[in-house]
Amino acid sequence: MHRRNLFRSFIHAGRGLYYAIRGERNMIIHLVFAFFAIALSFLFCLERDEFIIILLCIAFVLVTETINTAFEYMVDLFHGHKIDPVVRMLKDVASAAVLLASIFSAIIGIWIFSAKIL
C-alpha cells in the first residue's frame, strides 16, 4: 500500500505540472528558454560544473514559476477575481520572485555562455 501512495504522489505531481504548463503562458516561455539553454550547453561543450549551474538556474526559475502559479490559483480560489489592492500586492510580490529568479538566471547564463563565445 505504501508503494501505491508513492506512485499516486508522482501522478498528482505530474498532473500539477501539466496544469502549470497548460495554464501559464510564462511557464511555456521558461521551458523554451530552458530548452535553448540546454541545447547551447551541448553546443558549447560546457564543463560539468557549468552545466550543473545552468540546470540549477533552470530548476530555480521553473520551481518559482510553479509556486507562483499555485499561489495565484489559491488566492483566486479564496478571493475570486475581484480587484483588491491587497490581493494585487500579494500576486505582484509572488511574481517578483519569478522575475528575480529569471533575471539572476539570465545573468548567470550570459556569464557562462559569453566566456565560451568569446
C-alpha atoms as a PDB file:
ATOM      1  CA  MET A   1       0.000   0.000   0.000  1.00  0.00           C
ATOM      2  CA  HIS A   2       2.873   2.362   0.679  1.00  0.00           C
ATOM      3  CA  ARG A   3       4.124   1.968  -2.903  1.00  0.00           C
ATOM      4  CA  ARG A   4       0.723   2.818  -4.316  1.00  0.00           C
ATOM      5  CA  ASN A   5       0.649   6.052  -2.334  1.00  0.00           C
ATOM      6  CA  LEU A   6       4.124   6.942  -3.574  1.00  0.00           C
ATOM      7  CA  PHE A   7       3.054   6.197  -7.148  1.00  0.00           C
ATOM      8  CA  ARG A   8      -0.070   8.300  -6.712  1.00  0.00           C
ATOM      9  CA  SER A   9       2.059  11.145  -5.373  1.00  0.00           C
ATOM     10  CA  PHE A  10       4.007  11.132  -8.620  1.00  0.00           C
ATOM     11  CA  ILE A  11       0.766  11.042 -10.602  1.00  0.00           C
ATOM     12  CA  HIS A  12      -0.572  14.047  -8.665  1.00  0.00           C
ATOM     13  CA  ALA A  13       2.693  15.944  -9.097  1.00  0.00           C
ATOM     14  CA  GLY A  14       2.660  15.229 -12.830  1.00  0.00           C
ATOM     15  CA  ARG A  15      -0.888  16.488 -13.063  1.00  0.00           C
ATOM     16  CA  GLY A  16       0.146  19.654 -11.238  1.00  0.00           C
ATOM     17  CA  LEU A  17       2.995  20.178 -13.680  1.00  0.00           C
ATOM     18  CA  TYR A  18       0.553  19.653 -16.544  1.00  0.00           C
ATOM     19  CA  TYR A  19      -1.765  22.316 -15.078  1.00  0.00           C
ATOM     20  CA  ALA A  20       1.135  24.735 -14.683  1.00  0.00           C
ATOM     21  CA  ILE A  21       2.291  24.208 -18.270  1.00  0.00           C
ATOM     22  CA  ARG A  22      -1.192  24.261 -19.766  1.00  0.00           C
ATOM     23  CA  GLY A  23      -2.459  27.203 -17.739  1.00  0.00           C
ATOM     24  CA  GLU A  24       0.515  29.549 -17.667  1.00  0.00           C
ATOM     25  CA  ARG A  25       1.975  31.166 -20.762  1.00  0.00           C
ATOM     26  CA  ASN A  26       5.059  32.163 -18.767  1.00  0.00           C
ATOM     27  CA  MET A  27       5.789  28.529 -17.902  1.00  0.00           C
ATOM     28  CA  ILE A  28       5.927  27.718 -21.607  1.00  0.00           C
ATOM     29  CA  ILE A  29       8.262  30.669 -22.175  1.00  0.00           C
ATOM     30  CA  HIS A  30      10.527  29.434 -19.356  1.00  0.00           C
ATOM     31  CA  LEU A  31      10.541  25.928 -20.836  1.00  0.00           C
ATOM     32  CA  VAL A  32      11.507  27.282 -24.271  1.00  0.00           C
ATOM     33  CA  PHE A  33      14.419  29.208 -22.750  1.00  0.00           C
ATOM     34  CA  ALA A  34      15.378  26.110 -20.752  1.00  0.00           C
ATOM     35  CA  PHE A  35      15.450  24.046 -23.949  1.00  0.00           C
ATOM     36  CA  PHE A  36      17.707  26.606 -25.645  1.00  0.00           C
ATOM     37  CA  ALA A  37      19.991  26.830 -22.609  1.00  0.00           C
ATOM     38  CA  ILE A  38      20.407  23.053 -22.569  1.00  0.00           C
ATOM     39  CA  ALA A  39      20.966  22.952 -26.338  1.00  0.00           C
ATOM     40  CA  LEU A  40      23.596  25.701 -26.074  1.00  0.00           C
ATOM     41  CA  SER A  41      25.225  23.811 -23.219  1.00  0.00           C
ATOM     42  CA  PHE A  42      25.797  20.844 -25.515  1.00  0.00           C
ATOM     43  CA  LEU A  43      26.732  23.042 -28.474  1.00  0.00           C
ATOM     44  CA  PHE A  44      29.437  24.858 -26.498  1.00  0.00           C
ATOM     45  CA  CYS A  45      30.536  21.704 -24.642  1.00  0.00           C
ATOM     46  CA  LEU A  46      30.149  23.221 -21.189  1.00  0.00           C
ATOM     47  CA  GLU A  47      32.176  21.786 -18.361  1.00  0.00           C
ATOM     48  CA  ARG A  48      30.277  19.575 -15.947  1.00  0.00           C
ATOM     49  CA  ASP A  49      30.157  22.244 -13.238  1.00  0.00           C
ATOM     50  CA  GLU A  50      28.947  24.890 -15.673  1.00  0.00           C
ATOM     51  CA  PHE A  51      26.229  22.570 -16.946  1.00  0.00           C
ATOM     52  CA  ILE A  52      25.111  21.813 -13.383  1.00  0.00           C
ATOM     53  CA  ILE A  53      24.865  25.552 -12.694  1.00  0.00           C
ATOM     54  CA  ILE A  54      22.728  26.001 -15.827  1.00  0.00           C
ATOM     55  CA  LEU A  55      20.450  23.138 -14.714  1.00  0.00           C
ATOM     56  CA  LEU A  56      20.142  24.639 -11.224  1.00  0.00           C
ATOM     57  CA  CYS A  57      19.191  28.006 -12.725  1.00  0.00           C
ATOM     58  CA  ILE A  58      16.570  26.334 -14.903  1.00  0.00           C
ATOM     59  CA  ALA A  59      15.194  24.452 -11.902  1.00  0.00           C
ATOM     60  CA  PHE A  60      15.140  27.641  -9.814  1.00  0.00           C
ATOM     61  CA  VAL A  61      13.070  29.507 -12.408  1.00  0.00           C
ATOM     62  CA  LEU A  62      10.674  26.598 -13.042  1.00  0.00           C
ATOM     63  CA  VAL A  63      10.136  25.969  -9.331  1.00  0.00           C
ATOM     64  CA  THR A  64       9.445  29.637  -8.582  1.00  0.00           C
ATOM     65  CA  GLU A  65       7.035  29.825 -11.528  1.00  0.00           C
ATOM     66  CA  THR A  66       5.235  26.699 -10.336  1.00  0.00           C
ATOM     67  CA  ILE A  67       4.932  28.029  -6.788  1.00  0.00           C
ATOM     68  CA  ASN A  68       3.740  31.384  -8.127  1.00  0.00           C
ATOM     69  CA  THR A  69       1.098  29.632 -10.227  1.00  0.00           C
ATOM     70  CA  ALA A  70      -0.147  27.640  -7.237  1.00  0.00           C
ATOM     71  CA  PHE A  71      -0.197  30.784  -5.103  1.00  0.00           C
ATOM     72  CA  GLU A  72      -2.204  32.706  -7.700  1.00  0.00           C
ATOM     73  CA  TYR A  73      -4.721  29.862  -8.025  1.00  0.00           C
ATOM     74  CA  MET A  74      -5.063  29.725  -4.244  1.00  0.00           C
ATOM     75  CA  VAL A  75      -5.583  33.482  -3.924  1.00  0.00           C
ATOM     76  CA  ASP A  76      -8.187  33.386  -6.708  1.00  0.00           C
ATOM     77  CA  LEU A  77      -9.913  30.460  -5.006  1.00  0.00           C
ATOM     78  CA  PHE A  78     -10.300  32.314  -1.723  1.00  0.00           C
ATOM     79  CA  HIS A  79     -10.745  35.827  -3.033  1.00  0.00           C
ATOM     80  CA  GLY A  80     -12.102  35.447  -6.534  1.00  0.00           C
ATOM     81  CA  HIS A  81     -11.065  37.635  -9.419  1.00  0.00           C
ATOM     82  CA  LYS A  82     -12.042  40.893  -7.729  1.00  0.00           C
ATOM     83  CA  ILE A  83      -9.554  43.719  -7.974  1.00  0.00           C
ATOM     84  CA  ASP A  84      -8.396  44.293  -4.435  1.00  0.00           C
ATOM     85  CA  PRO A  85      -5.217  46.248  -3.603  1.00  0.00           C
ATOM     86  CA  VAL A  86      -4.027  43.650  -1.079  1.00  0.00           C
ATOM     87  CA  VAL A  87      -4.638  40.733  -3.448  1.00  0.00           C
ATOM     88  CA  ARG A  88      -2.872  42.601  -6.242  1.00  0.00           C
ATOM     89  CA  MET A  89       0.094  43.270  -3.942  1.00  0.00           C
ATOM     90  CA  LEU A  90       0.260  39.572  -2.919  1.00  0.00           C
ATOM     91  CA  LYS A  91       0.242  38.421  -6.524  1.00  0.00           C
ATOM     92  CA  ASP A  92       2.782  41.064  -7.549  1.00  0.00           C
ATOM     93  CA  VAL A  93       5.195  40.035  -4.794  1.00  0.00           C
ATOM     94  CA  ALA A  94       4.881  36.363  -5.764  1.00  0.00           C
ATOM     95  CA  SER A  95       5.516  37.305  -9.396  1.00  0.00           C
ATOM     96  CA  ALA A  96       8.540  39.337  -8.302  1.00  0.00           C
ATOM     97  CA  ALA A  97      10.113  36.110  -7.015  1.00  0.00           C
ATOM     98  CA  VAL A  98       9.869  34.635 -10.513  1.00  0.00           C
ATOM     99  CA  LEU A  99      11.234  37.834 -12.022  1.00  0.00           C
ATOM    100  CA  LEU A 100      14.238  37.801  -9.678  1.00  0.00           C
ATOM    101  CA  ALA A 101      14.913  34.122 -10.371  1.00  0.00           C
ATOM    102  CA  SER A 102      14.713  34.803 -14.105  1.00  0.00           C
ATOM    103  CA  ILE A 103      16.967  37.866 -14.009  1.00  0.00           C
ATOM    104  CA  PHE A 104      19.673  36.211 -11.933  1.00  0.00           C
ATOM    105  CA  SER A 105      19.494  33.035 -14.012  1.00  0.00           C
ATOM    106  CA  ALA A 106      19.836  35.087 -17.193  1.00  0.00           C
ATOM    107  CA  ILE A 107      22.867  36.890 -15.754  1.00  0.00           C
ATOM    108  CA  ILE A 108      24.485  33.575 -14.818  1.00  0.00           C
ATOM    109  CA  GLY A 109      23.681  32.119 -18.241  1.00  0.00           C
ATOM    110  CA  ILE A 110      25.109  35.138 -20.051  1.00  0.00           C
ATOM    111  CA  TRP A 111      28.230  34.955 -17.892  1.00  0.00           C
ATOM    112  CA  ILE A 112      28.787  31.261 -18.630  1.00  0.00           C
ATOM    113  CA  PHE A 113      27.952  31.355 -22.330  1.00  0.00           C
ATOM    114  CA  SER A 114      29.773  34.612 -23.100  1.00  0.00           C
ATOM    115  CA  ALA A 115      33.003  33.042 -21.816  1.00  0.00           C
ATOM    116  CA  LYS A 116      32.520  30.219 -24.333  1.00  0.00           C
ATOM    117  CA  ILE A 117      31.525  32.515 -27.210  1.00  0.00           C
ATOM    118  CA  LEU A 118      34.403  34.943 -26.709  1.00  0.00           C
END
